[in-house]
Amino acid sequence: AMQDLESTRPDSPALFVDKPTEGERTERLIKAKLRSIMMSQDLENVTSKEIRNELEKQMNCNLKEFKEFIDNEMLLILGQMDKPSLIFDHLYLG
């Protein structure tokens, strides 16, 4: 439909193409799997270590170097799972 259009803009250099690093890909996978695991667990009766162990089992690798990242993600996911608190009739927190 637009074959007759001509672009004078140069192609983007390869440096600017968004290709995630191995670590970024692992972090994305951790986020997705961690959320799935936490949604299926009784969070009142499970430890963060048990969740991490399940994550390592599902990903079939040692995630020791991502321990801090995983702990932070767990807290973030927990916060997102909490229901908002009613402050006033028309105002919620969370």
Protein backbone atom coordinates (compact mmCIF):
# COMPACT_ATOMS: atom_id res chain seq x y z
CA ALA A 1 0.00 0.00 0.00
CA MET A 2 2.94 2.34 0.65
CA GLN A 3 5.60 1.05 -1.74
CA ASP A 4 6.00 4.48 -3.32
CA LEU A 5 7.16 6.09 -0.02
CA GLU A 6 10.85 6.76 0.33
CA SER A 7 12.57 7.06 3.70
CA THR A 8 15.64 9.27 4.06
CA ARG A 9 16.13 8.33 7.70
CA PRO A 10 19.16 6.08 8.25
CA ASP A 11 18.62 2.67 9.76
CA SER A 12 19.10 2.50 13.52
CA PRO A 13 22.53 1.25 14.47
CA ALA A 14 22.70 -2.25 15.95
CA LEU A 15 23.83 -0.77 19.27
CA PHE A 16 20.38 0.67 19.89
CA VAL A 17 18.42 -2.50 19.22
CA ASP A 18 16.83 -3.64 22.49
CA LYS A 19 18.31 -7.06 23.09
CA PRO A 20 18.13 -8.10 26.73
CA THR A 21 21.26 -9.51 28.31
CA GLU A 22 21.32 -13.01 29.74
CA GLY A 23 20.86 -11.56 33.24
CA GLU A 24 17.87 -9.46 32.14
CA ARG A 25 16.27 -12.47 30.46
CA THR A 26 16.77 -14.50 33.65
CA GLU A 27 15.25 -11.69 35.76
CA ARG A 28 12.18 -11.54 33.48
CA LEU A 29 11.74 -15.30 33.75
CA ILE A 30 12.18 -15.13 37.54
CA LYS A 31 9.47 -12.44 37.78
CA ALA A 32 6.96 -14.47 35.79
CA LYS A 33 7.62 -17.78 37.55
CA LEU A 34 7.81 -16.18 40.99
CA ARG A 35 4.39 -14.57 40.58
CA SER A 36 2.93 -17.88 39.44
CA ILE A 37 4.46 -19.75 42.40
CA MET A 38 3.31 -17.15 44.93
CA MET A 39 -0.25 -17.19 43.55
CA SER A 40 -0.41 -20.96 44.11
CA GLN A 41 1.05 -21.00 47.65
CA ASP A 42 -0.48 -20.42 51.07
CA LEU A 43 1.66 -17.38 51.83
CA GLU A 44 0.75 -17.55 55.53
CA ASN A 45 2.51 -20.91 55.85
CA VAL A 46 5.45 -20.78 53.45
CA THR A 47 8.92 -19.26 53.86
CA SER A 48 10.78 -17.19 51.31
CA LYS A 49 13.43 -19.93 51.21
CA GLU A 50 10.78 -22.51 50.27
CA ILE A 51 9.53 -20.23 47.50
CA ARG A 52 13.12 -19.72 46.27
CA ASN A 53 13.72 -23.49 46.32
CA GLU A 54 10.56 -24.07 44.27
CA LEU A 55 11.69 -21.39 41.82
CA GLU A 56 15.10 -23.06 41.44
CA LYS A 57 13.40 -26.41 40.91
CA GLN A 58 11.11 -25.01 38.20
CA MET A 59 13.94 -23.15 36.47
CA ASN A 60 16.31 -26.08 36.92
CA CYS A 61 19.24 -23.90 38.01
CA ASN A 62 20.90 -22.33 41.04
CA LEU A 63 19.69 -18.76 41.55
CA LYS A 64 22.03 -17.84 44.41
CA GLU A 65 23.36 -14.78 42.55
CA PHE A 66 19.76 -13.53 42.16
CA LYS A 67 18.85 -13.96 45.86
CA GLU A 68 18.54 -10.22 46.58
CA PHE A 69 16.58 -9.65 43.35
CA ILE A 70 14.22 -12.53 44.22
CA ASP A 71 13.69 -11.25 47.78
CA ASN A 72 12.85 -7.76 46.46
CA GLU A 73 10.49 -9.20 43.84
CA MET A 74 8.72 -11.29 46.50
CA LEU A 75 8.07 -8.15 48.55
CA LEU A 76 6.84 -6.30 45.45
CA ILE A 77 4.51 -9.15 44.44
CA LEU A 78 3.22 -9.45 48.02
CA GLY A 79 2.41 -5.74 48.02
CA GLN A 80 0.58 -6.08 44.71
CA MET A 81 -1.43 -9.01 46.06
CA ASP A 82 -2.68 -7.05 49.11
CA LYS A 83 -6.15 -5.61 48.86
CA PRO A 84 -6.35 -1.81 49.05
CA SER A 85 -7.12 -0.38 52.50
CA LEU A 86 -10.18 1.82 52.87
CA ILE A 87 -9.13 5.26 54.16
CA PHE A 88 -12.41 7.14 53.58
CA ASP A 89 -15.62 6.14 51.79
CA HIS A 90 -14.14 7.32 48.49
CA LEU A 91 -10.40 6.82 49.12
CA TYR A 92 -8.33 3.63 49.15
CA LEU A 93 -4.63 3.14 49.84
CA GLY A 94 -2.83 0.52 47.79
